[in-house]
Amino acid sequence: MERERVGKGFSDKSIGMALASRNLMAELREAGQVTGGPRPFSQRDRSAFLSALHETIVQLTRKG
């Protein structure tokens, strides 16, 4: 059974827009305009993140 990928990786081109969106949402929450948000970071999310991080480090190490 294939693992479900949660989230996405970032590139040099996509990171700027992601940070801008994150900052905008933070400002809206502080102003009380947006009161919700994503679900809390779970143990499963943490495990998926650590697995993806490990895979990325292994790939980069192999490239030298």
N, C-alpha and C. Protein backbone atom coordinates (compact mmCIF):
# COMPACT_ATOMS: atom_id res chain seq x y z
N MET A 1 0.84 -1.19 0.00
CA MET A 1 0.00 0.00 0.00
C MET A 1 0.88 1.24 0.00
N GLU A 2 0.62 2.15 -0.91
CA GLU A 2 1.43 3.36 -1.03
C GLU A 2 1.02 4.37 0.04
N ARG A 3 2.04 5.02 0.62
CA ARG A 3 1.77 6.02 1.64
C ARG A 3 1.18 7.28 1.02
N GLU A 4 0.26 7.89 1.73
CA GLU A 4 -0.32 9.15 1.28
C GLU A 4 0.67 10.28 1.57
N ARG A 5 0.93 11.12 0.57
CA ARG A 5 1.82 12.26 0.78
C ARG A 5 1.00 13.42 1.32
N VAL A 6 1.47 13.97 2.40
CA VAL A 6 0.81 15.11 3.01
C VAL A 6 1.68 16.32 2.78
N GLY A 7 1.09 17.40 2.31
CA GLY A 7 1.87 18.59 2.05
C GLY A 7 2.57 18.52 0.72
N LYS A 8 3.50 19.43 0.53
CA LYS A 8 4.24 19.47 -0.73
C LYS A 8 5.60 20.08 -0.49
N GLY A 9 6.51 19.76 -1.38
CA GLY A 9 7.84 20.35 -1.31
C GLY A 9 7.83 21.74 -1.92
N PHE A 10 8.85 22.49 -1.66
CA PHE A 10 8.96 23.84 -2.21
C PHE A 10 10.18 23.93 -3.11
N SER A 11 10.08 24.83 -4.08
CA SER A 11 11.20 25.12 -4.96
C SER A 11 11.57 26.59 -4.76
N ASP A 12 12.65 27.01 -5.39
CA ASP A 12 13.04 28.42 -5.31
C ASP A 12 11.92 29.31 -5.84
N LYS A 13 11.17 28.80 -6.82
CA LYS A 13 10.10 29.60 -7.43
C LYS A 13 8.83 29.64 -6.58
N SER A 14 8.55 28.58 -5.83
CA SER A 14 7.27 28.51 -5.11
C SER A 14 7.35 29.00 -3.67
N ILE A 15 8.52 29.10 -3.10
CA ILE A 15 8.62 29.43 -1.68
C ILE A 15 8.16 30.85 -1.37
N GLY A 16 8.41 31.78 -2.29
CA GLY A 16 8.01 33.17 -2.06
C GLY A 16 6.51 33.32 -1.91
N MET A 17 5.75 32.68 -2.80
CA MET A 17 4.29 32.76 -2.73
C MET A 17 3.77 32.07 -1.48
N ALA A 18 4.37 30.96 -1.10
CA ALA A 18 3.93 30.26 0.11
C ALA A 18 4.15 31.12 1.35
N LEU A 19 5.29 31.79 1.42
CA LEU A 19 5.57 32.65 2.58
C LEU A 19 4.64 33.86 2.60
N ALA A 20 4.38 34.43 1.42
CA ALA A 20 3.46 35.58 1.35
C ALA A 20 2.07 35.18 1.82
N SER A 21 1.60 34.01 1.39
CA SER A 21 0.27 33.53 1.82
C SER A 21 0.24 33.29 3.32
N ARG A 22 1.30 32.68 3.84
CA ARG A 22 1.36 32.41 5.28
C ARG A 22 1.33 33.71 6.07
N ASN A 23 2.09 34.71 5.63
CA ASN A 23 2.13 35.99 6.33
C ASN A 23 0.79 36.71 6.26
N LEU A 24 0.13 36.67 5.10
CA LEU A 24 -1.18 37.30 4.95
C LEU A 24 -2.19 36.66 5.90
N MET A 25 -2.22 35.34 5.94
CA MET A 25 -3.17 34.65 6.82
C MET A 25 -2.88 34.96 8.29
N ALA A 26 -1.62 35.08 8.66
CA ALA A 26 -1.26 35.43 10.04
C ALA A 26 -1.79 36.81 10.38
N GLU A 27 -1.64 37.76 9.47
CA GLU A 27 -2.14 39.11 9.70
C GLU A 27 -3.66 39.12 9.83
N LEU A 28 -4.35 38.37 8.97
CA LEU A 28 -5.80 38.30 9.04
C LEU A 28 -6.27 37.68 10.36
N ARG A 29 -5.56 36.64 10.83
CA ARG A 29 -5.93 36.03 12.12
C ARG A 29 -5.71 37.02 13.26
N GLU A 30 -4.60 37.75 13.23
CA GLU A 30 -4.32 38.73 14.28
C GLU A 30 -5.37 39.82 14.31
N ALA A 31 -5.90 40.19 13.14
CA ALA A 31 -6.93 41.23 13.06
C ALA A 31 -8.32 40.69 13.37
N GLY A 32 -8.45 39.39 13.57
CA GLY A 32 -9.73 38.79 13.88
C GLY A 32 -10.60 38.52 12.66
N GLN A 33 -10.06 38.72 11.47
CA GLN A 33 -10.83 38.50 10.25
C GLN A 33 -11.00 37.00 9.95
N VAL A 34 -10.00 36.23 10.31
CA VAL A 34 -10.03 34.78 10.10
C VAL A 34 -9.82 34.14 11.46
N THR A 35 -10.77 33.34 11.90
CA THR A 35 -10.64 32.76 13.23
C THR A 35 -10.34 31.27 13.20
N GLY A 36 -10.44 30.66 12.03
CA GLY A 36 -10.15 29.23 11.92
C GLY A 36 -8.73 29.00 11.45
N GLY A 37 -8.46 27.81 11.14
CA GLY A 37 -7.14 27.46 10.63
C GLY A 37 -7.08 25.99 10.34
N PRO A 38 -5.91 25.52 9.96
CA PRO A 38 -5.78 24.10 9.68
C PRO A 38 -5.88 23.28 10.96
N ARG A 39 -6.10 21.98 10.77
CA ARG A 39 -6.17 21.11 11.94
C ARG A 39 -4.81 21.07 12.63
N PRO A 40 -4.76 20.74 13.89
CA PRO A 40 -3.49 20.67 14.61
C PRO A 40 -2.55 19.62 14.00
N PHE A 41 -1.26 19.85 14.13
CA PHE A 41 -0.21 18.96 13.65
C PHE A 41 -0.25 17.69 14.49
N SER A 42 -0.54 16.56 13.86
CA SER A 42 -0.70 15.31 14.60
C SER A 42 0.59 14.49 14.61
N GLN A 43 0.58 13.42 15.37
CA GLN A 43 1.72 12.51 15.40
C GLN A 43 1.94 11.90 14.02
N ARG A 44 0.86 11.62 13.30
CA ARG A 44 0.95 11.08 11.94
C ARG A 44 1.60 12.11 11.00
N ASP A 45 1.22 13.38 11.15
CA ASP A 45 1.83 14.44 10.35
C ASP A 45 3.32 14.54 10.63
N ARG A 46 3.68 14.46 11.91
CA ARG A 46 5.09 14.54 12.31
C ARG A 46 5.87 13.39 11.68
N SER A 47 5.31 12.19 11.74
CA SER A 47 5.97 11.03 11.18
C SER A 47 6.15 11.17 9.67
N ALA A 48 5.11 11.65 8.97
CA ALA A 48 5.19 11.85 7.52
C ALA A 48 6.25 12.89 7.18
N PHE A 49 6.32 13.97 7.97
CA PHE A 49 7.32 15.01 7.75
C PHE A 49 8.73 14.46 7.93
N LEU A 50 8.95 13.73 9.02
CA LEU A 50 10.28 13.19 9.28
C LEU A 50 10.69 12.18 8.21
N SER A 51 9.76 11.40 7.72
CA SER A 51 10.05 10.45 6.66
C SER A 51 10.44 11.18 5.38
N ALA A 52 9.68 12.21 5.01
CA ALA A 52 9.99 12.98 3.80
C ALA A 52 11.33 13.70 3.95
N LEU A 53 11.61 14.22 5.13
CA LEU A 53 12.89 14.88 5.38
C LEU A 53 14.04 13.89 5.22
N HIS A 54 13.88 12.70 5.79
CA HIS A 54 14.91 11.67 5.68
C HIS A 54 15.15 11.31 4.21
N GLU A 55 14.06 11.11 3.46
CA GLU A 55 14.20 10.77 2.04
C GLU A 55 14.94 11.86 1.27
N THR A 56 14.63 13.11 1.57
CA THR A 56 15.31 14.23 0.90
C THR A 56 16.78 14.27 1.25
N ILE A 57 17.12 14.05 2.50
CA ILE A 57 18.53 14.06 2.91
C ILE A 57 19.28 12.93 2.24
N VAL A 58 18.68 11.75 2.18
CA VAL A 58 19.32 10.60 1.51
C VAL A 58 19.56 10.93 0.04
N GLN A 59 18.57 11.50 -0.65
CA GLN A 59 18.72 11.84 -2.06
C GLN A 59 19.84 12.86 -2.26
N LEU A 60 19.88 13.88 -1.41
CA LEU A 60 20.92 14.89 -1.53
C LEU A 60 22.30 14.33 -1.23
N THR A 61 22.38 13.43 -0.27
CA THR A 61 23.66 12.80 0.07
C THR A 61 24.17 11.96 -1.09
N ARG A 62 23.27 11.25 -1.76
CA ARG A 62 23.66 10.42 -2.91
C ARG A 62 24.16 11.26 -4.08
N LYS A 63 23.60 12.45 -4.25
CA LYS A 63 24.02 13.32 -5.34
C LYS A 63 25.42 13.89 -5.11
N GLY A 64 25.81 13.92 -3.84
CA GLY A 64 27.16 14.35 -3.48
C GLY A 64 27.26 15.80 -3.41
